[in-house]
């Protein structure tokens, strides 16, 4: 890895499995950290066999993305020889990421006290469903459970329908970013410590002020489909060609331009957020009718000319052909597999995508022989 990468020289042990923890390690690896992915012998990380497989080599596509840029080794932490390899790696590591249930690392005789005796400066990032403490801490943690219990599902769905869960592993993805951020904060402190990250609290963070709204006002946000309670028009609208647009008016200046577009210029009823919300049905219906008289492209042309905030509802096949995604390198090919590009673009010390997730124990012999070795992995 180039010495110009911002996390060049950072050594990370990834003991975690499936998504949230490995995503945390992935973001560090993308920006230059030397990440060693440790898997159980024989079974490996279950993400290898979850979801879609690449028909070219039968490798799990999710695995290729989440474990890109990582070296891999298979270690049985109950085996004396493998445990010795692990402890040698711990001695010179900066970060260890794990997502066992609370107490599992301790039962293996590898709790934070033991690890910090070996390496006092080690940052130990622990990712669980409910955190290391609290009455739910021993429960199994999955994204769908966190989404159910965070308030997210309760406000998702149509007004006359049941609560809904996201159609993606949203919480695992968010928690990976949260954990990477928290890990970097701990590293900046230059103090060896435990970073306690939970799926539940990570997704709860993105719920905005809803708990603050409940406490003084006693109000619960209701299910509103694609609408939201504090601004209108906002939602998904169908055009005359059967295609859809997403529209937002979450600033006064944009809202005023949309009011003009809808023929409400100068109408005092719609001059403020409060006024627009009070007349929600009028504006929502007007936006529906406006879009229904135009094709998606015609509507987008008019909205763009008015400097309004809108975008076509894109499928993955459309995203794959979209010129903006291409221009921004938002989709890149890594070892022949298209996947998301870097999370953020740094002008002076950018990250680099070097390889997709490797086969099990691909680097095992080298790591057992040389440990961390040099930083040019």
Protein backbone atom coordinates (compact mmCIF):
# COMPACT_ATOMS: atom_id res chain seq x y z
CA UNK A 1 0.00 0.00 0.00
CA UNK A 2 1.28 3.46 -0.86
CA UNK A 3 2.73 5.37 2.09
CA UNK A 4 0.54 8.32 1.02
CA UNK A 5 -2.63 6.44 2.06
CA UNK A 6 -4.01 8.15 5.18
CA UNK A 7 -4.11 4.99 7.31
CA UNK A 8 -0.84 3.53 6.02
CA UNK A 9 0.87 1.69 8.89
CA UNK A 10 -2.33 1.09 10.87
CA UNK A 11 -2.64 -2.58 11.79
CA UNK A 12 -6.10 -4.04 12.26
CA UNK A 13 -7.22 -7.51 13.28
CA UNK A 14 -10.73 -8.32 12.03
CA UNK A 15 -12.24 -11.11 14.14
CA UNK A 16 -15.79 -10.15 13.22
CA UNK A 17 -18.21 -11.94 10.92
CA UNK A 18 -20.95 -11.17 8.40
CA UNK A 19 -21.56 -7.42 8.01
CA UNK A 20 -21.33 -4.64 10.59
CA UNK A 21 -17.91 -5.48 12.07
CA UNK A 22 -16.35 -6.50 8.74
CA UNK A 23 -17.69 -3.31 7.16
CA UNK A 24 -15.93 -1.30 9.87
CA UNK A 25 -12.67 -3.06 8.97
CA UNK A 26 -13.38 -2.60 5.27
CA UNK A 27 -13.54 1.19 5.59
CA UNK A 28 -10.20 1.22 7.42
CA UNK A 29 -8.66 -1.07 4.79
CA UNK A 30 -9.94 1.13 1.97
CA UNK A 31 -7.87 4.00 3.31
CA UNK A 32 -4.65 2.08 3.74
CA UNK A 33 -4.86 0.08 6.97
CA UNK A 34 -3.29 -3.38 6.87
CA UNK A 35 -6.28 -5.52 7.86
CA UNK A 36 -5.89 -9.21 8.64
CA UNK A 37 -9.22 -11.03 8.48
CA UNK A 38 -9.27 -13.98 10.91
CA UNK A 39 -11.76 -16.75 10.18
CA UNK A 40 -12.64 -20.07 11.76
CA UNK A 41 -10.96 -23.00 10.00
CA UNK A 42 -13.24 -25.10 7.81
CA UNK A 43 -16.42 -23.03 8.28
CA UNK A 44 -14.99 -19.54 7.75
CA UNK A 45 -17.14 -16.42 7.86
CA UNK A 46 -20.74 -17.29 6.99
CA UNK A 47 -20.84 -14.26 4.69
CA UNK A 48 -18.86 -16.34 2.18
CA UNK A 49 -22.01 -18.37 1.55
CA UNK A 50 -24.72 -15.76 2.13
CA UNK A 51 -26.77 -14.31 -0.69
CA UNK A 52 -25.71 -14.12 -4.29
CA UNK A 53 -22.77 -15.94 -5.84
CA UNK A 54 -20.62 -14.76 -8.73
CA UNK A 55 -21.41 -17.20 -11.56
CA UNK A 56 -17.84 -16.88 -12.84
CA UNK A 57 -16.18 -18.41 -9.77
CA UNK A 58 -19.04 -19.24 -7.35
CA UNK A 59 -17.59 -16.85 -4.77
CA UNK A 60 -20.04 -14.90 -2.63
CA UNK A 61 -20.51 -11.43 -4.13
CA UNK A 62 -21.17 -9.88 -0.72
CA UNK A 63 -17.91 -11.43 0.50
CA UNK A 64 -15.95 -9.84 -2.33
CA UNK A 65 -17.22 -6.38 -1.37
CA UNK A 66 -17.15 -6.45 2.42
CA UNK A 67 -13.75 -8.14 2.73
CA UNK A 68 -11.91 -6.33 -0.04
CA UNK A 69 -8.40 -5.06 0.71
CA UNK A 70 -8.00 -7.55 3.59
CA UNK A 71 -5.47 -10.32 4.06
CA UNK A 72 -6.99 -13.57 5.31
CA UNK A 73 -5.93 -16.29 7.70
CA UNK A 74 -7.80 -19.19 9.30
CA UNK A 75 -7.17 -19.57 13.05
CA UNK A 76 -8.82 -21.68 15.73
CA UNK A 77 -8.49 -19.61 18.89
CA UNK A 78 -8.97 -22.73 21.01
CA UNK A 79 -5.92 -24.37 19.40
CA UNK A 80 -2.65 -23.60 21.19
CA UNK A 81 -0.57 -23.09 18.05
CA UNK A 82 -3.19 -20.89 16.37
CA UNK A 83 -3.73 -18.97 19.59
CA UNK A 84 -0.01 -18.23 19.72
CA UNK A 85 -0.13 -16.83 16.18
CA UNK A 86 -3.09 -14.66 17.16
CA UNK A 87 -1.39 -13.32 20.29
CA UNK A 88 1.75 -12.46 18.31
CA UNK A 89 -0.43 -10.44 15.95
CA UNK A 90 -2.17 -8.73 18.88
CA UNK A 91 1.15 -7.57 20.28
CA UNK A 92 1.81 -5.31 17.29
CA UNK A 93 -1.76 -4.48 16.31
CA UNK A 94 -3.41 -1.08 16.68
CA UNK A 95 -7.05 -2.22 16.46
CA UNK A 96 -8.99 -5.42 17.05
CA UNK A 97 -12.58 -5.64 15.81
CA UNK A 98 -14.93 -8.36 17.07
CA UNK A 99 -18.67 -8.96 17.13
CA UNK A 100 -19.12 -12.00 19.36
CA UNK A 101 -21.92 -11.90 21.89
CA UNK A 102 -20.79 -10.14 25.08
CA UNK A 103 -18.70 -12.48 27.22
CA UNK A 104 -17.55 -14.74 24.38
CA UNK A 105 -14.10 -13.18 24.07
CA UNK A 106 -13.74 -13.40 27.84
CA UNK A 107 -14.69 -17.10 27.84
CA UNK A 108 -11.95 -17.68 25.30
CA UNK A 109 -9.53 -16.13 27.78
CA UNK A 110 -9.05 -13.17 25.44
CA UNK A 111 -10.99 -10.42 27.16
CA UNK A 112 -9.85 -6.80 27.06
CA UNK A 113 -7.84 -7.21 30.27
CA UNK A 114 -5.79 -10.02 28.72
CA UNK A 115 -5.36 -8.22 25.40
CA UNK A 116 -4.36 -4.95 27.08
CA UNK A 117 -1.77 -6.78 29.18
CA UNK A 118 -0.20 -7.86 25.88
CA UNK A 119 -0.72 -4.52 24.13
CA UNK A 120 -1.79 -1.60 26.33
CA UNK A 121 -2.39 0.73 23.38
CA UNK A 122 -4.79 -1.62 21.57
CA UNK A 123 -8.19 -0.24 20.56
CA UNK A 124 -10.75 -3.05 20.88
CA UNK A 125 -13.89 -2.30 18.87
CA UNK A 126 -16.78 -4.50 19.99
CA UNK A 127 -19.85 -4.55 17.74
CA UNK A 128 -22.99 -6.24 19.09
CA UNK A 129 -26.74 -6.06 18.73
CA UNK A 130 -27.42 -4.29 22.01
CA UNK A 131 -24.05 -3.32 23.47
CA UNK A 132 -21.87 -4.80 26.18
CA UNK A 133 -24.23 -3.80 29.01
CA UNK A 134 -27.95 -3.52 29.66
CA UNK A 135 -30.79 -6.04 30.03
CA UNK A 136 -30.77 -6.98 26.32
CA UNK A 137 -26.99 -7.35 25.96
CA UNK A 138 -27.04 -11.15 25.81
CA UNK A 139 -29.65 -11.31 23.04
CA UNK A 140 -28.63 -12.25 19.49
CA UNK A 141 -28.20 -9.10 17.45
CA UNK A 142 -29.38 -8.74 13.88
CA UNK A 143 -30.12 -5.68 11.78
CA UNK A 144 -33.81 -6.51 11.44
CA UNK A 145 -34.15 -6.70 15.23
CA UNK A 146 -32.49 -3.32 15.68
CA UNK A 147 -34.71 -1.82 12.98
CA UNK A 148 -37.76 -3.26 14.73
CA UNK A 149 -36.78 -1.86 18.13
CA UNK A 150 -35.29 1.51 17.11
CA UNK A 151 -38.52 3.13 15.94
CA UNK A 152 -37.55 2.79 12.28
CA UNK A 153 -40.02 0.04 11.42
CA UNK A 154 -42.85 1.74 13.32
CA UNK A 155 -42.75 4.79 11.01
CA UNK A 156 -42.05 2.88 7.78
CA UNK A 157 -44.86 1.80 5.48
CA UNK A 158 -48.19 3.06 4.24
CA UNK A 159 -50.64 4.76 6.64
CA UNK A 160 -53.12 1.90 6.48
CA UNK A 161 -50.49 -0.86 6.36
CA UNK A 162 -48.27 -2.68 8.84
CA UNK A 163 -44.83 -1.53 9.99
CA UNK A 164 -42.08 -2.32 7.49
CA UNK A 165 -38.42 -3.27 7.63
CA UNK A 166 -35.92 -1.95 5.07
CA UNK A 167 -35.29 -4.19 2.07
CA UNK A 168 -31.53 -3.98 2.67
CA UNK A 169 -29.29 -4.64 5.69
CA UNK A 170 -29.48 -0.94 6.49
CA UNK A 171 -28.44 -1.16 10.14
CA UNK A 172 -25.41 -3.33 9.40
CA UNK A 173 -24.25 -0.81 6.81
CA UNK A 174 -24.80 2.18 9.11
CA UNK A 175 -23.16 0.45 12.07
CA UNK A 176 -20.05 -0.32 10.01
CA UNK A 177 -19.60 3.40 9.39
CA UNK A 178 -20.37 4.25 13.04
CA UNK A 179 -17.83 1.69 14.24
CA UNK A 180 -15.15 2.95 11.86
CA UNK A 181 -15.73 6.52 13.06
CA UNK A 182 -15.66 5.50 16.73
CA UNK A 183 -12.50 3.47 16.17
CA UNK A 184 -10.74 6.46 14.64
CA UNK A 185 -11.87 8.66 17.54
CA UNK A 186 -10.37 6.16 19.98
CA UNK A 187 -7.14 5.98 17.99
CA UNK A 188 -6.91 9.77 17.99
CA UNK A 189 -7.04 9.70 21.79
CA UNK A 190 -3.84 7.60 21.75
CA UNK A 191 -5.28 5.56 24.61
CA UNK A 192 -5.85 1.84 24.54
CA UNK A 193 -9.52 1.24 25.27
CA UNK A 194 -12.74 -0.58 24.42
CA UNK A 195 -15.12 0.90 21.83
CA UNK A 196 -18.66 -0.38 22.51
CA UNK A 197 -20.85 -0.09 19.38
CA UNK A 198 -24.37 -1.52 19.08
CA UNK A 199 -26.66 -2.05 16.11
CA UNK A 200 -29.60 -0.69 18.09
CA UNK A 201 -28.00 2.61 19.07
CA UNK A 202 -26.41 3.09 15.66
CA UNK A 203 -29.75 2.97 13.85
CA UNK A 204 -31.42 4.92 16.67
CA UNK A 205 -28.98 7.76 15.92
CA UNK A 206 -30.48 8.21 12.44
CA UNK A 207 -34.01 8.66 13.81
CA UNK A 208 -33.44 12.40 14.06
CA UNK A 209 -35.41 14.34 16.70
CA UNK A 210 -38.26 11.85 17.06
CA UNK A 211 -37.49 10.99 20.68
CA UNK A 212 -37.17 14.72 21.40
CA UNK A 213 -40.54 15.30 19.75
CA UNK A 214 -42.12 12.61 21.89
CA UNK A 215 -40.71 13.80 25.21
CA UNK A 216 -42.09 17.39 25.35
CA UNK A 217 -44.91 17.14 22.82
CA UNK A 218 -46.23 13.62 23.29
CA UNK A 219 -46.32 13.09 19.52
CA UNK A 220 -45.45 9.92 17.63
CA UNK A 221 -44.60 10.12 13.95
CA UNK A 222 -47.12 8.07 12.00
CA UNK A 223 -46.56 5.95 8.92
CA UNK A 224 -46.89 8.16 5.86
CA UNK A 225 -45.52 6.09 2.98
CA UNK A 226 -42.98 8.27 1.17
CA UNK A 227 -44.16 11.47 2.83
CA UNK A 228 -42.71 13.01 6.00
CA UNK A 229 -44.50 15.17 8.58
CA UNK A 230 -42.42 18.34 8.44
CA UNK A 231 -42.38 19.23 4.75
CA UNK A 232 -44.62 18.87 1.70
CA UNK A 233 -44.57 18.11 -1.17
CA UNK A 234 -42.12 15.32 -0.48
CA UNK A 235 -42.42 11.80 -1.82
CA UNK A 236 -42.52 9.59 -4.88
CA UNK A 237 -44.70 10.72 -7.77
CA UNK A 238 -45.69 8.85 -10.93
CA UNK A 239 -45.22 10.46 -14.33
CA UNK A 240 -47.28 9.98 -17.49
CA UNK A 241 -44.91 7.31 -18.83
CA UNK A 242 -45.26 5.15 -15.71
CA UNK A 243 -41.84 6.19 -14.37
CA UNK A 244 -41.37 7.82 -10.97
CA UNK A 245 -39.66 10.84 -9.45
CA UNK A 246 -38.54 11.55 -5.90
CA UNK A 247 -39.27 15.15 -4.91
CA UNK A 248 -38.25 17.12 -1.81
CA UNK A 249 -38.97 20.67 -0.61
CA UNK A 250 -36.97 20.60 2.61
CA UNK A 251 -35.84 24.21 2.34
CA UNK A 252 -37.90 27.36 1.98
CA UNK A 253 -36.11 28.52 -1.17
CA UNK A 254 -36.68 25.22 -2.97
CA UNK A 255 -40.27 25.11 -1.73
CA UNK A 256 -40.98 28.58 -3.15
CA UNK A 257 -39.70 27.53 -6.56
CA UNK A 258 -41.86 24.41 -6.51
CA UNK A 259 -44.89 26.48 -5.48
CA UNK A 260 -44.32 28.61 -8.58
CA UNK A 261 -44.03 25.50 -10.72
CA UNK A 262 -47.35 24.22 -9.33
CA UNK A 263 -49.10 27.53 -9.96
CA UNK A 264 -49.20 28.70 -6.33
CA UNK A 265 -46.80 31.62 -6.65
CA UNK A 266 -47.72 34.32 -4.10
CA UNK A 267 -50.26 32.10 -2.30
CA UNK A 268 -49.81 32.94 1.40
CA UNK A 269 -51.13 29.53 2.44
CA UNK A 270 -47.88 27.98 1.24
CA UNK A 271 -45.38 30.65 2.32
CA UNK A 272 -44.02 28.73 5.34
CA UNK A 273 -43.29 25.14 6.36
CA UNK A 274 -46.19 25.29 8.81
CA UNK A 275 -48.58 26.59 6.18
CA UNK A 276 -47.55 23.98 3.66
CA UNK A 277 -47.95 21.19 6.21
CA UNK A 278 -51.39 22.51 7.20
CA UNK A 279 -52.41 22.24 3.54
CA UNK A 280 -50.64 18.94 2.93
CA UNK A 281 -53.38 17.28 0.90
CA UNK A 282 -53.71 20.20 -1.50
CA UNK A 283 -49.99 20.26 -2.26
CA UNK A 284 -49.55 16.51 -2.40
CA UNK A 285 -52.43 16.19 -4.86
CA UNK A 286 -51.15 19.12 -6.93
CA UNK A 287 -47.73 17.50 -7.20
CA UNK A 288 -49.32 14.20 -8.23
CA UNK A 289 -51.34 15.89 -10.96
CA UNK A 290 -48.37 17.95 -12.17
CA UNK A 291 -46.18 14.85 -12.60
CA UNK A 292 -49.03 12.86 -14.18
CA UNK A 293 -49.17 15.31 -17.11
CA UNK A 294 -45.46 14.95 -17.93
CA UNK A 295 -43.07 12.16 -18.73
CA UNK A 296 -40.30 11.57 -16.22
CA UNK A 297 -37.80 13.35 -18.47
CA UNK A 298 -40.13 16.31 -19.09
CA UNK A 299 -40.79 16.66 -15.37
CA UNK A 300 -37.08 16.45 -14.58
CA UNK A 301 -36.30 19.11 -17.19
CA UNK A 302 -38.86 21.49 -15.68
CA UNK A 303 -37.75 20.78 -12.11
CA UNK A 304 -34.09 21.24 -12.97
CA UNK A 305 -34.83 24.51 -14.76
CA UNK A 306 -36.63 25.69 -11.63
CA UNK A 307 -33.66 24.55 -9.51
CA UNK A 308 -35.94 22.27 -7.53
CA UNK A 309 -34.76 19.16 -5.70
CA UNK A 310 -35.83 16.02 -7.55
CA UNK A 311 -34.41 12.84 -8.97
CA UNK A 312 -35.60 9.89 -11.00
CA UNK A 313 -36.22 6.65 -9.14
CA UNK A 314 -33.35 4.53 -10.44
CA UNK A 315 -32.96 0.77 -10.48
CA UNK A 316 -29.56 -0.89 -10.21
CA UNK A 317 -29.52 -1.46 -13.99
CA UNK A 318 -30.05 2.28 -14.48
CA UNK A 319 -27.47 3.19 -11.84
CA UNK A 320 -24.94 1.00 -13.64
CA UNK A 321 -25.36 3.21 -16.73
CA UNK A 322 -25.73 6.56 -14.99
CA UNK A 323 -23.10 9.15 -16.07
CA UNK A 324 -22.81 10.80 -12.65
CA UNK A 325 -22.00 7.52 -10.91
CA UNK A 326 -19.40 6.91 -13.59
CA UNK A 327 -17.85 10.37 -13.38
CA UNK A 328 -17.54 10.08 -9.60
CA UNK A 329 -16.11 6.53 -9.63
CA UNK A 330 -18.99 5.57 -7.37
CA UNK A 331 -18.92 2.15 -9.03
CA UNK A 332 -15.54 0.57 -9.64
CA UNK A 333 -14.35 -2.82 -10.85
CA UNK A 334 -12.21 -4.72 -8.35
CA UNK A 335 -10.78 -7.97 -9.68
CA UNK A 336 -13.48 -7.85 -12.34
CA UNK A 337 -16.38 -7.36 -9.91
CA UNK A 338 -18.29 -4.04 -9.98
CA UNK A 339 -18.83 -2.64 -6.49
CA UNK A 340 -19.13 0.61 -4.59
CA UNK A 341 -16.14 2.90 -4.74
CA UNK A 342 -14.53 4.63 -1.78
CA UNK A 343 -16.79 6.02 0.93
CA UNK A 344 -15.24 9.49 0.62
CA UNK A 345 -12.78 11.24 -1.65
CA UNK A 346 -9.65 12.73 -0.07
CA UNK A 347 -7.83 15.20 -2.31
CA UNK A 348 -4.29 14.65 -0.99
CA UNK A 349 -4.30 11.15 0.53
CA UNK A 350 -6.95 9.09 -1.25
CA UNK A 351 -7.78 5.49 -0.50
CA UNK A 352 -7.20 2.66 -2.93
CA UNK A 353 -9.13 -0.50 -3.78
CA UNK A 354 -6.53 -3.21 -4.26
CA UNK A 355 -8.34 -6.55 -4.33
CA UNK A 356 -11.72 -8.14 -3.68
CA UNK A 357 -12.37 -10.50 -0.79
CA UNK A 358 -9.90 -13.37 -1.02
CA UNK A 359 -10.27 -17.13 -0.65
CA UNK A 360 -10.10 -18.61 2.85
CA UNK A 361 -6.61 -18.60 4.43
CA UNK A 362 -5.17 -17.02 1.28
CA UNK A 363 -2.44 -15.28 3.29
CA UNK A 364 -2.24 -17.78 6.14
CA UNK A 365 1.21 -19.22 5.42
CA UNK A 366 2.80 -15.79 5.04
CA UNK A 367 1.17 -14.41 8.20
CA UNK A 368 2.12 -17.45 10.29
CA UNK A 369 5.69 -17.15 9.07
CA UNK A 370 6.14 -13.35 9.04
CA UNK A 371 3.39 -11.94 11.23
CA UNK A 372 2.55 -8.44 10.07
CA UNK A 373 5.63 -8.42 7.84
CA UNK A 374 6.05 -5.19 5.94
CA UNK A 375 3.25 -2.76 5.25
CA UNK A 376 3.21 -3.24 1.49
CA UNK A 377 0.72 -6.15 1.59
